[in-house]
């Protein structure tokens, strides 16, 4: 794709790699998708426009245009568009508004999509017509997203993405919100046979910076990750991770991305991946998560999170493989160096904090008692942020290992921080630990029991000190007087 073909509003930072996003290349890949296969069948089922005209369902001028345009001769179509540009938009929009038969609507949409695919500047035909009529260019297309037929809605979606990405005029906010919400809902739909087409539209839309923020605002990132956490084929994996990749070219989004747990989820996919293109795109996301944030502390946290998720180990394995794409080798080298440096700089508290925030607790070295002697009080930082996460894990996690380690950590915090028992009670942790005494897993029960003992021992030690104080007060009190014990 030449620089002149870069979509209006596309992020200038990705112009140098825009060749890897080439629409024609991706369309060749997409030719295997359900939408493209059906489009091929639909092209062969010509419509009898004469019958529509005779039954007065379409006007004479619309009939004249569509019969002339509906030809396999690309040169004739081009001539027609040069002489009758406004009639083209008018006829197509009239047909979309007045034809109710699914089969004919499918055919009209394929004609429009093919017309735009032949020359992307033709998207301006619809904008020019809408401006002239003082109408919304999006209304007629967005209405079709409410149809029941999957081909109609997804071919319409493909046309909307092309107009939104290839035009000089960006999509307006409310229409954009509606469209991105529709795409997000399609991703969440169970067994959606058109999911590749949905992914393809998002791959196009998210290259444009203002569309990225709109997508985030409709909860798009967590939807992508939710789908990736389930079972999807490698093509869909690649497309959705590609969407995450283009999002990370925005420094603000690159900084916020791991709040959605993107690193643990992609690290899991990386460890299972057998497809080079999936491996390549994950490494590219990881590289952006280190390179793009303007806050160096965030980049450091991302490195630590990758180390925590065993990415270094994966990189060592990948180094032994031969890849066709030299970018992969460069990304492996870059990531290995950055992660190894971060391990050397890592304080045990940084490592602990990253592990807790990842939600993937395990018996790593930072859970040893030396750590707690030195760091217990630091769990009070940022309004008890790490303690709140541990308690949330006790409440939400189904993983016995996570529950065991979280229980142990809470017990150690209470043992090494004088006011620990009070803090844990205030945050609702004590009750949750006690509930785990009845857990089905014996390791969870054991760690919960130890944690409860530490909570209770704290009480006995406190009570013991109070009794000693009372006894000494009684000895020093005047005869006949009674010492008032302090409140326990």
Protein backbone atom coordinates (compact mmCIF):
# COMPACT_ATOMS: atom_id res chain seq x y z
CA UNK A 1 0.00 0.00 0.00
CA UNK A 2 1.53 3.32 -0.94
CA UNK A 3 1.53 6.23 1.48
CA UNK A 4 -1.16 7.90 -0.64
CA UNK A 5 -3.43 4.96 0.11
CA UNK A 6 -3.06 5.14 3.87
CA UNK A 7 -6.56 5.71 5.27
CA UNK A 8 -7.41 9.25 6.36
CA UNK A 9 -6.74 9.57 10.06
CA UNK A 10 -4.58 6.46 10.21
CA UNK A 11 -1.87 6.61 12.84
CA UNK A 12 1.26 8.08 11.23
CA UNK A 13 3.38 5.85 13.47
CA UNK A 14 2.27 2.78 11.60
CA UNK A 15 2.72 4.14 8.09
CA UNK A 16 6.15 2.52 7.95
CA UNK A 17 4.62 -0.89 8.61
CA UNK A 18 1.43 -0.34 6.66
CA UNK A 19 2.52 -2.86 4.04
CA UNK A 20 1.87 -5.61 6.56
CA UNK A 21 -1.72 -4.35 6.82
CA UNK A 22 -2.31 -4.35 3.07
CA UNK A 23 -6.04 -4.75 2.42
CA UNK A 24 -5.54 -6.67 -0.79
CA UNK A 25 -3.33 -9.22 0.97
CA UNK A 26 -5.78 -9.59 3.83
CA UNK A 27 -8.68 -9.85 1.39
CA UNK A 28 -6.91 -12.75 -0.31
CA UNK A 29 -6.71 -14.45 3.10
CA UNK A 30 -10.31 -13.51 3.82
CA UNK A 31 -11.41 -15.20 0.59
CA UNK A 32 -11.62 -18.37 2.68
CA UNK A 33 -14.06 -16.74 5.10
CA UNK A 34 -17.76 -17.63 5.10
CA UNK A 35 -18.71 -14.11 3.95
CA UNK A 36 -16.44 -14.21 0.90
CA UNK A 37 -17.53 -17.72 -0.07
CA UNK A 38 -21.19 -16.71 0.06
CA UNK A 39 -20.47 -13.48 -1.82
CA UNK A 40 -19.04 -15.60 -4.66
CA UNK A 41 -22.29 -17.62 -4.80
CA UNK A 42 -24.46 -14.50 -4.64
CA UNK A 43 -22.63 -12.82 -7.56
CA UNK A 44 -23.71 -15.67 -9.81
CA UNK A 45 -27.42 -15.24 -8.91
CA UNK A 46 -28.31 -12.27 -11.11
CA UNK A 47 -31.35 -10.17 -10.20
CA UNK A 48 -34.21 -9.55 -12.65
CA UNK A 49 -34.31 -5.74 -12.36
CA UNK A 50 -37.00 -5.54 -15.04
CA UNK A 51 -39.53 -7.29 -12.78
CA UNK A 52 -38.81 -4.75 -10.00
CA UNK A 53 -39.40 -1.91 -12.46
CA UNK A 54 -42.60 -3.41 -13.91
CA UNK A 55 -44.08 -3.91 -10.46
CA UNK A 56 -43.19 -0.24 -9.74
CA UNK A 57 -40.90 -1.17 -6.86
CA UNK A 58 -38.09 0.93 -8.34
CA UNK A 59 -38.15 4.14 -10.40
CA UNK A 60 -37.22 4.39 -14.06
CA UNK A 61 -33.96 6.25 -13.39
CA UNK A 62 -32.91 3.73 -10.72
CA UNK A 63 -33.75 0.91 -13.14
CA UNK A 64 -31.71 2.52 -15.92
CA UNK A 65 -28.71 3.01 -13.68
CA UNK A 66 -28.69 -0.42 -12.02
CA UNK A 67 -29.15 -2.36 -15.30
CA UNK A 68 -26.26 -0.42 -16.85
CA UNK A 69 -24.06 -0.78 -13.74
CA UNK A 70 -24.75 -4.48 -13.12
CA UNK A 71 -22.21 -5.73 -15.64
CA UNK A 72 -18.96 -7.65 -15.45
CA UNK A 73 -17.28 -4.97 -17.59
CA UNK A 74 -15.24 -2.88 -15.12
CA UNK A 75 -14.47 -0.22 -17.74
CA UNK A 76 -18.20 0.38 -18.37
CA UNK A 77 -18.83 0.73 -14.63
CA UNK A 78 -15.98 3.23 -14.32
CA UNK A 79 -17.39 5.35 -17.20
CA UNK A 80 -20.84 5.26 -15.65
CA UNK A 81 -19.50 6.42 -12.28
CA UNK A 82 -17.66 9.32 -13.91
CA UNK A 83 -20.77 10.58 -15.73
CA UNK A 84 -23.47 9.63 -13.20
CA UNK A 85 -21.78 9.79 -9.80
CA UNK A 86 -24.73 11.13 -7.78
CA UNK A 87 -27.18 8.77 -9.46
CA UNK A 88 -25.02 5.85 -8.28
CA UNK A 89 -25.40 6.78 -4.61
CA UNK A 90 -29.08 7.64 -5.05
CA UNK A 91 -29.91 4.36 -6.78
CA UNK A 92 -28.04 2.17 -4.29
CA UNK A 93 -29.56 3.95 -1.28
CA UNK A 94 -33.06 3.81 -2.81
CA UNK A 95 -32.67 0.08 -3.46
CA UNK A 96 -31.40 -0.56 0.08
CA UNK A 97 -34.39 1.38 1.46
CA UNK A 98 -37.11 -0.15 -0.73
CA UNK A 99 -36.13 -3.75 -1.46
CA UNK A 100 -37.22 -6.16 1.26
CA UNK A 101 -36.26 -9.53 -0.24
CA UNK A 102 -33.12 -10.86 1.47
CA UNK A 103 -31.68 -12.43 -1.68
CA UNK A 104 -31.87 -9.15 -3.64
CA UNK A 105 -30.46 -7.12 -0.72
CA UNK A 106 -27.53 -9.54 -0.55
CA UNK A 107 -26.86 -8.97 -4.25
CA UNK A 108 -27.03 -5.16 -3.93
CA UNK A 109 -24.60 -5.19 -1.02
CA UNK A 110 -22.13 -7.36 -2.95
CA UNK A 111 -22.35 -4.87 -5.87
CA UNK A 112 -21.58 -1.96 -3.51
CA UNK A 113 -18.72 -3.80 -1.81
CA UNK A 114 -17.18 -4.80 -5.14
CA UNK A 115 -17.49 -1.21 -6.39
CA UNK A 116 -15.58 0.11 -3.34
CA UNK A 117 -13.01 -2.66 -3.50
CA UNK A 118 -12.19 -1.77 -7.13
CA UNK A 119 -11.37 1.82 -6.15
CA UNK A 120 -11.43 2.97 -2.55
CA UNK A 121 -11.87 6.67 -3.47
CA UNK A 122 -15.43 5.73 -4.49
CA UNK A 123 -16.44 5.86 -0.82
CA UNK A 124 -16.63 9.63 -1.31
CA UNK A 125 -19.60 9.13 -3.68
CA UNK A 126 -21.79 8.35 -0.65
CA UNK A 127 -20.43 11.29 1.35
CA UNK A 128 -20.96 13.73 -1.52
CA UNK A 129 -24.54 12.55 -2.00
CA UNK A 130 -25.30 12.72 1.74
CA UNK A 131 -23.86 16.25 1.97
CA UNK A 132 -25.90 17.38 -1.02
CA UNK A 133 -29.09 15.94 0.48
CA UNK A 134 -28.12 17.06 4.01
CA UNK A 135 -28.62 13.48 5.21
CA UNK A 136 -26.48 11.10 7.24
CA UNK A 137 -24.29 8.86 5.13
CA UNK A 138 -24.50 6.19 7.86
CA UNK A 139 -28.24 5.91 8.54
CA UNK A 140 -29.20 3.60 5.62
CA UNK A 141 -26.31 1.22 6.38
CA UNK A 142 -26.63 1.19 10.18
CA UNK A 143 -30.35 0.34 9.82
CA UNK A 144 -29.41 -2.82 7.93
CA UNK A 145 -27.37 -4.04 10.93
CA UNK A 146 -30.73 -4.79 12.59
CA UNK A 147 -31.70 -7.36 9.93
CA UNK A 148 -31.89 -11.05 10.84
CA UNK A 149 -29.87 -12.36 7.90
CA UNK A 150 -26.20 -12.85 8.87
CA UNK A 151 -24.83 -12.23 5.38
CA UNK A 152 -26.72 -8.93 5.04
CA UNK A 153 -25.54 -7.60 8.41
CA UNK A 154 -21.93 -8.64 7.95
CA UNK A 155 -21.60 -7.44 4.34
CA UNK A 156 -23.15 -4.15 5.46
CA UNK A 157 -20.62 -4.00 8.30
CA UNK A 158 -17.79 -4.54 5.81
CA UNK A 159 -19.07 -1.63 3.66
CA UNK A 160 -19.39 0.63 6.74
CA UNK A 161 -15.78 -0.16 7.73
CA UNK A 162 -14.55 0.74 4.24
CA UNK A 163 -16.44 4.04 4.14
CA UNK A 164 -15.29 4.87 7.70
CA UNK A 165 -11.63 4.05 7.00
CA UNK A 166 -11.11 5.09 3.39
CA UNK A 167 -12.97 8.40 3.41
CA UNK A 168 -11.48 11.80 4.26
CA UNK A 169 -14.49 12.34 6.57
CA UNK A 170 -14.36 10.34 9.83
CA UNK A 171 -17.38 8.58 11.24
CA UNK A 172 -19.40 10.74 13.66
CA UNK A 173 -19.37 9.89 17.33
CA UNK A 174 -22.88 8.51 17.93
CA UNK A 175 -22.83 6.47 14.71
CA UNK A 176 -19.33 5.25 15.52
CA UNK A 177 -20.44 4.22 19.02
CA UNK A 178 -23.42 2.32 17.58
CA UNK A 179 -21.28 0.53 14.97
CA UNK A 180 -18.45 -0.43 17.35
CA UNK A 181 -20.98 -1.69 19.91
CA UNK A 182 -22.53 -3.85 17.17
CA UNK A 183 -19.10 -5.27 16.28
CA UNK A 184 -18.34 -5.95 19.94
CA UNK A 185 -21.66 -7.76 20.41
CA UNK A 186 -20.97 -9.89 17.31
CA UNK A 187 -17.65 -10.95 18.83
CA UNK A 188 -19.45 -12.11 21.96
CA UNK A 189 -22.09 -14.06 20.01
CA UNK A 190 -21.74 -17.81 20.54
CA UNK A 191 -20.68 -19.78 17.45
CA UNK A 192 -20.83 -16.77 15.13
CA UNK A 193 -19.94 -18.17 11.70
CA UNK A 194 -19.02 -14.66 10.54
CA UNK A 195 -16.53 -13.93 13.33
CA UNK A 196 -13.63 -13.65 10.84
CA UNK A 197 -15.53 -10.89 9.01
CA UNK A 198 -16.16 -9.10 12.32
CA UNK A 199 -12.45 -9.36 13.14
CA UNK A 200 -11.59 -8.04 9.67
CA UNK A 201 -13.73 -4.92 10.18
CA UNK A 202 -12.05 -4.26 13.53
CA UNK A 203 -8.61 -4.74 11.99
CA UNK A 204 -9.46 -1.90 9.62
CA UNK A 205 -11.20 0.39 12.11
CA UNK A 206 -8.57 0.25 14.85
CA UNK A 207 -5.80 1.58 12.64
CA UNK A 208 -7.41 5.00 13.05
CA UNK A 209 -6.55 6.66 16.34
CA UNK A 210 -9.88 8.33 17.15
CA UNK A 211 -11.70 5.06 16.49
CA UNK A 212 -9.42 3.30 18.99
CA UNK A 213 -10.58 5.41 21.93
CA UNK A 214 -14.21 4.95 20.91
CA UNK A 215 -13.65 1.18 20.89
CA UNK A 216 -12.12 1.28 24.37
CA UNK A 217 -15.10 3.31 25.60
CA UNK A 218 -17.54 0.54 24.56
CA UNK A 219 -15.48 -1.98 26.58
CA UNK A 220 -13.80 -3.30 23.46
CA UNK A 221 -10.46 -4.39 24.93
CA UNK A 222 -11.97 -6.63 27.60
CA UNK A 223 -14.27 -8.13 24.93
CA UNK A 224 -11.28 -9.00 22.70
CA UNK A 225 -9.51 -10.60 25.65
CA UNK A 226 -12.62 -12.45 26.80
CA UNK A 227 -12.94 -14.05 23.33
CA UNK A 228 -9.19 -14.82 23.24
CA UNK A 229 -9.44 -16.52 26.66
CA UNK A 230 -11.96 -18.97 25.21
CA UNK A 231 -11.46 -21.52 22.46
CA UNK A 232 -11.09 -19.85 19.05
CA UNK A 233 -9.25 -21.00 15.94
CA UNK A 234 -5.82 -19.62 15.11
CA UNK A 235 -7.13 -17.31 12.33
CA UNK A 236 -9.49 -15.56 14.79
CA UNK A 237 -6.70 -15.52 17.40
CA UNK A 238 -4.45 -13.78 14.91
CA UNK A 239 -7.09 -11.22 13.90
CA UNK A 240 -8.04 -10.27 17.46
CA UNK A 241 -4.41 -10.06 18.64
CA UNK A 242 -3.75 -7.92 15.55
CA UNK A 243 -6.48 -5.57 16.89
CA UNK A 244 -4.66 -5.40 20.24
CA UNK A 245 -1.40 -4.73 18.38
CA UNK A 246 -2.72 -1.71 16.47
CA UNK A 247 -4.26 -0.39 19.71
CA UNK A 248 -0.82 -0.45 21.37
CA UNK A 249 0.57 2.08 18.87
CA UNK A 250 -1.21 4.69 20.96
CA UNK A 251 1.06 5.38 23.98
CA UNK A 252 -1.87 6.01 26.35
CA UNK A 253 -3.53 2.74 25.41
CA UNK A 254 -0.21 0.89 25.59
CA UNK A 255 0.13 2.13 29.18
CA UNK A 256 -3.37 1.02 30.21
CA UNK A 257 -3.45 -2.27 28.31
CA UNK A 258 -2.23 -4.60 31.06
CA UNK A 259 -4.97 -3.40 33.42
CA UNK A 260 -7.08 -5.74 31.25
CA UNK A 261 -4.64 -8.64 31.91
CA UNK A 262 -3.46 -8.69 28.31
CA UNK A 263 0.03 -10.00 29.21
CA UNK A 264 -1.08 -13.17 31.09
CA UNK A 265 -3.66 -14.02 28.41
CA UNK A 266 -1.26 -13.54 25.48
CA UNK A 267 1.53 -15.36 27.35
CA UNK A 268 -0.76 -18.41 27.65
CA UNK A 269 -1.58 -18.29 23.93
CA UNK A 270 2.13 -17.89 23.11
CA UNK A 271 3.04 -21.02 25.07
CA UNK A 272 0.43 -23.05 23.14
CA UNK A 273 0.88 -21.43 19.73
CA UNK A 274 2.02 -23.52 16.78
CA UNK A 275 1.29 -20.93 14.07
CA UNK A 276 4.11 -18.53 13.21
CA UNK A 277 1.77 -15.63 12.47
CA UNK A 278 0.14 -15.91 15.91
CA UNK A 279 3.56 -16.06 17.59
CA UNK A 280 4.76 -13.11 15.51
CA UNK A 281 1.81 -10.86 16.37
CA UNK A 282 2.01 -11.65 20.12
CA UNK A 283 5.72 -10.75 20.17
CA UNK A 284 4.89 -7.52 18.32
CA UNK A 285 2.27 -6.65 20.99
CA UNK A 286 4.78 -7.36 23.79
CA UNK A 287 7.39 -5.19 22.10
CA UNK A 288 4.92 -2.28 21.82
CA UNK A 289 3.94 -2.69 25.48
CA UNK A 290 7.58 -2.00 26.37
CA UNK A 291 8.45 0.54 23.65
CA UNK A 292 5.33 2.69 23.36
CA UNK A 293 4.47 3.78 26.94
CA UNK A 294 5.88 7.22 27.69
CA UNK A 295 6.00 6.40 31.42
CA UNK A 296 9.13 4.28 31.94
CA UNK A 297 7.71 2.86 35.18
CA UNK A 298 4.79 1.34 33.22
CA UNK A 299 7.21 -0.19 30.70
CA UNK A 300 9.15 -1.66 33.65
CA UNK A 301 5.95 -3.10 35.14
CA UNK A 302 5.11 -4.67 31.77
CA UNK A 303 8.56 -6.30 31.65
CA UNK A 304 8.09 -7.69 35.17
CA UNK A 305 4.62 -8.98 34.27
CA UNK A 306 6.09 -10.79 31.24
CA UNK A 307 8.79 -12.35 33.40
CA UNK A 308 6.09 -13.37 35.89
CA UNK A 309 4.13 -15.04 33.07
CA UNK A 310 7.14 -17.12 31.98
CA UNK A 311 7.65 -15.20 28.72
CA UNK A 312 11.45 -15.39 29.09
CA UNK A 313 11.25 -19.17 29.10
CA UNK A 314 9.13 -19.04 25.93
CA UNK A 315 11.61 -16.69 24.27
CA UNK A 316 14.42 -19.16 24.99
CA UNK A 317 12.40 -21.90 23.29
CA UNK A 318 11.57 -19.64 20.31
CA UNK A 319 15.23 -18.72 19.86
CA UNK A 320 15.87 -22.33 18.85
CA UNK A 321 13.28 -22.19 16.05
CA UNK A 322 13.83 -20.84 12.56
CA UNK A 323 11.34 -18.21 11.38
CA UNK A 324 10.66 -17.02 7.83
CA UNK A 325 10.12 -13.44 9.06
CA UNK A 326 13.29 -11.68 10.25
CA UNK A 327 11.17 -9.29 12.37
CA UNK A 328 10.41 -12.26 14.65
CA UNK A 329 14.09 -12.84 15.38
CA UNK A 330 14.57 -9.11 16.08
CA UNK A 331 11.57 -9.04 18.44
CA UNK A 332 12.83 -12.15 20.28
CA UNK A 333 16.25 -10.50 20.72
CA UNK A 334 14.73 -7.19 21.86
CA UNK A 335 12.35 -8.81 24.35
CA UNK A 336 14.98 -11.19 25.75
CA UNK A 337 17.36 -8.32 26.45
CA UNK A 338 14.66 -6.13 28.06
CA UNK A 339 13.27 -8.93 30.24
CA UNK A 340 16.69 -10.10 31.39
CA UNK A 341 17.60 -6.51 32.35
CA UNK A 342 14.35 -6.15 34.26
CA UNK A 343 15.06 -9.36 36.21
CA UNK A 344 18.43 -7.95 37.32
CA UNK A 345 16.84 -4.65 38.43
CA UNK A 346 13.94 -6.34 40.12
CA UNK A 347 13.37 -5.81 43.82
CA UNK A 348 11.51 -8.61 45.55
CA UNK A 349 8.63 -6.22 46.34
CA UNK A 350 8.27 -5.26 42.63
CA UNK A 351 8.14 -8.93 41.79
CA UNK A 352 5.57 -9.64 44.50
CA UNK A 353 3.37 -6.67 43.49
CA UNK A 354 3.37 -7.78 39.85
CA UNK A 355 2.49 -11.34 40.78
CA UNK A 356 -0.43 -10.22 42.93
CA UNK A 357 -1.72 -7.83 40.24
CA UNK A 358 -1.56 -10.60 37.65
CA UNK A 359 -3.88 -12.70 39.84
CA UNK A 360 -1.64 -15.71 39.19
CA UNK A 361 -0.23 -16.50 42.60
CA UNK A 362 2.20 -19.39 43.01
CA UNK A 363 4.83 -20.49 45.53
CA UNK A 364 7.51 -18.19 44.12
CA UNK A 365 10.51 -17.15 46.27
CA UNK A 366 8.89 -13.83 47.25
CA UNK A 367 6.48 -15.62 49.58
CA UNK A 368 9.25 -16.61 52.01
CA UNK A 369 9.33 -15.20 55.56
CA UNK A 370 12.37 -12.97 54.92
CA UNK A 371 10.25 -11.06 52.38
CA UNK A 372 7.47 -10.54 54.93
CA UNK A 373 9.82 -9.30 57.67
CA UNK A 374 11.10 -6.63 55.29
CA UNK A 375 7.98 -5.76 53.32
CA UNK A 376 4.79 -6.50 55.30
CA UNK A 377 4.18 -2.81 56.00
CA UNK A 378 4.47 -1.97 52.29
CA UNK A 379 1.18 -3.77 51.65
CA UNK A 380 -0.47 -0.73 53.24
CA UNK A 381 0.67 1.48 50.34
CA UNK A 382 -1.81 3.00 47.84
CA UNK A 383 -4.71 2.51 50.26
CA UNK A 384 -3.95 -1.20 50.81
CA UNK A 385 -4.05 -1.89 47.04
CA UNK A 386 -2.28 -5.27 47.18
CA UNK A 387 -4.24 -6.46 50.23
CA UNK A 388 -7.49 -5.57 48.50
CA UNK A 389 -6.42 -7.63 45.47
CA UNK A 390 -5.50 -10.62 47.71
CA UNK A 391 -8.88 -10.44 49.41
CA UNK A 392 -10.63 -10.13 46.03
CA UNK A 393 -8.79 -13.29 44.92
CA UNK A 394 -9.97 -15.13 48.05
CA UNK A 395 -13.52 -14.20 47.11
CA UNK A 396 -13.42 -14.77 43.33
CA UNK A 397 -10.70 -17.28 42.43
CA UNK A 398 -11.56 -20.92 41.77
CA UNK A 399 -7.88 -21.98 41.60
CA UNK A 400 -6.80 -23.89 44.73
CA UNK A 401 -3.18 -22.75 44.29
CA UNK A 402 -4.20 -19.06 44.19
CA UNK A 403 -6.44 -19.53 47.26
CA UNK A 404 -3.66 -21.33 49.17
CA UNK A 405 -1.01 -18.70 48.46
CA UNK A 406 -3.39 -15.77 49.13
CA UNK A 407 -4.35 -17.30 52.51
CA UNK A 408 -0.67 -17.79 53.39
CA UNK A 409 0.18 -14.19 52.41
CA UNK A 410 -2.61 -12.76 54.53
CA UNK A 411 -1.44 -14.83 57.50
CA UNK A 412 2.15 -13.60 57.05
CA UNK A 413 1.01 -9.98 56.75
CA UNK A 414 -0.89 -10.31 60.05
CA UNK A 415 2.13 -12.00 61.70
CA UNK A 416 4.61 -9.31 60.67
CA UNK A 417 2.52 -6.12 60.83
CA UNK A 418 1.29 -5.15 64.32
CA UNK A 419 -2.08 -3.74 63.16
CA UNK A 420 -2.49 -6.43 60.49
CA UNK A 421 -5.40 -8.24 62.14
CA UNK A 422 -7.40 -5.02 62.40
CA UNK A 423 -6.70 -4.08 58.75
CA UNK A 424 -7.67 -7.55 57.45
CA UNK A 425 -10.90 -7.46 59.47
CA UNK A 426 -11.76 -3.99 58.17
CA UNK A 427 -11.22 -5.14 54.57
CA UNK A 428 -13.40 -8.25 55.05
CA UNK A 429 -10.54 -10.74 54.73
CA UNK A 430 -10.95 -12.60 58.02
CA UNK A 431 -14.43 -13.90 57.17
CA UNK A 432 -13.26 -15.07 53.71
CA UNK A 433 -10.27 -16.96 55.15
CA UNK A 434 -12.54 -18.66 57.69
CA UNK A 435 -14.93 -19.74 54.91
CA UNK A 436 -12.01 -21.52 53.23
CA UNK A 437 -11.68 -23.83 56.27
CA UNK A 438 -14.46 -25.82 54.60
CA UNK A 439 -12.93 -25.78 51.10
CA UNK A 440 -12.84 -29.10 49.20
CA UNK A 441 -9.10 -28.85 48.50
CA UNK A 442 -6.93 -30.05 51.45
CA UNK A 443 -4.10 -27.58 50.65
CA UNK A 444 -6.52 -24.65 50.73
CA UNK A 445 -7.96 -25.87 54.06
CA UNK A 446 -4.44 -26.24 55.49
CA UNK A 447 -3.29 -22.73 54.48
CA UNK A 448 -6.58 -21.20 55.61
CA UNK A 449 -6.21 -22.94 59.00
CA UNK A 450 -2.67 -21.56 59.42
CA UNK A 451 -3.86 -18.08 58.46
CA UNK A 452 -6.75 -18.26 60.96
CA UNK A 453 -4.30 -19.42 63.66
CA UNK A 454 -2.09 -16.40 62.93
CA UNK A 455 -5.13 -14.14 63.18
CA UNK A 456 -6.11 -15.77 66.51
CA UNK A 457 -2.52 -15.90 67.87
CA UNK A 458 -2.43 -12.18 67.33
CA UNK A 459 -5.48 -11.97 69.60
CA UNK A 460 -3.88 -14.19 72.28
CA UNK A 461 -0.65 -12.19 72.25
CA UNK A 462 -2.65 -8.99 72.59
CA UNK A 463 -4.78 -10.48 75.35
CA UNK A 464 -1.65 -11.72 77.14
CA UNK A 465 -0.16 -8.22 77.11
CA UNK A 466 -3.43 -6.82 78.47
CA UNK A 467 -3.47 -9.38 81.34
CA UNK A 468 0.14 -8.55 82.23
CA UNK A 469 -0.75 -4.86 82.24
CA UNK A 470 -3.80 -5.47 84.42
CA UNK A 471 -1.77 -7.52 86.91
CA UNK A 472 0.90 -4.82 87.20
CA UNK A 473 -1.82 -2.15 87.50
CA UNK A 474 -3.50 -4.16 90.27
CA UNK A 475 -0.24 -4.50 92.16
CA UNK A 476 0.36 -0.75 92.04
CA UNK A 477 -3.25 0.27 92.75
CA UNK A 478 -4.13 1.47 96.28
CA UNK A 479 -5.74 -1.13 98.53
CA UNK A 480 -9.45 -1.28 98.03
CA UNK A 481 -9.21 0.31 94.58
CA UNK A 482 -9.95 -1.56 91.37
CA UNK A 483 -7.89 -1.05 88.17
CA UNK A 484 -10.10 -0.52 85.10
CA UNK A 485 -8.84 -2.79 82.30
CA UNK A 486 -8.27 -1.25 78.88
CA UNK A 487 -10.70 -2.17 76.12
CA UNK A 488 -9.64 -5.29 74.21
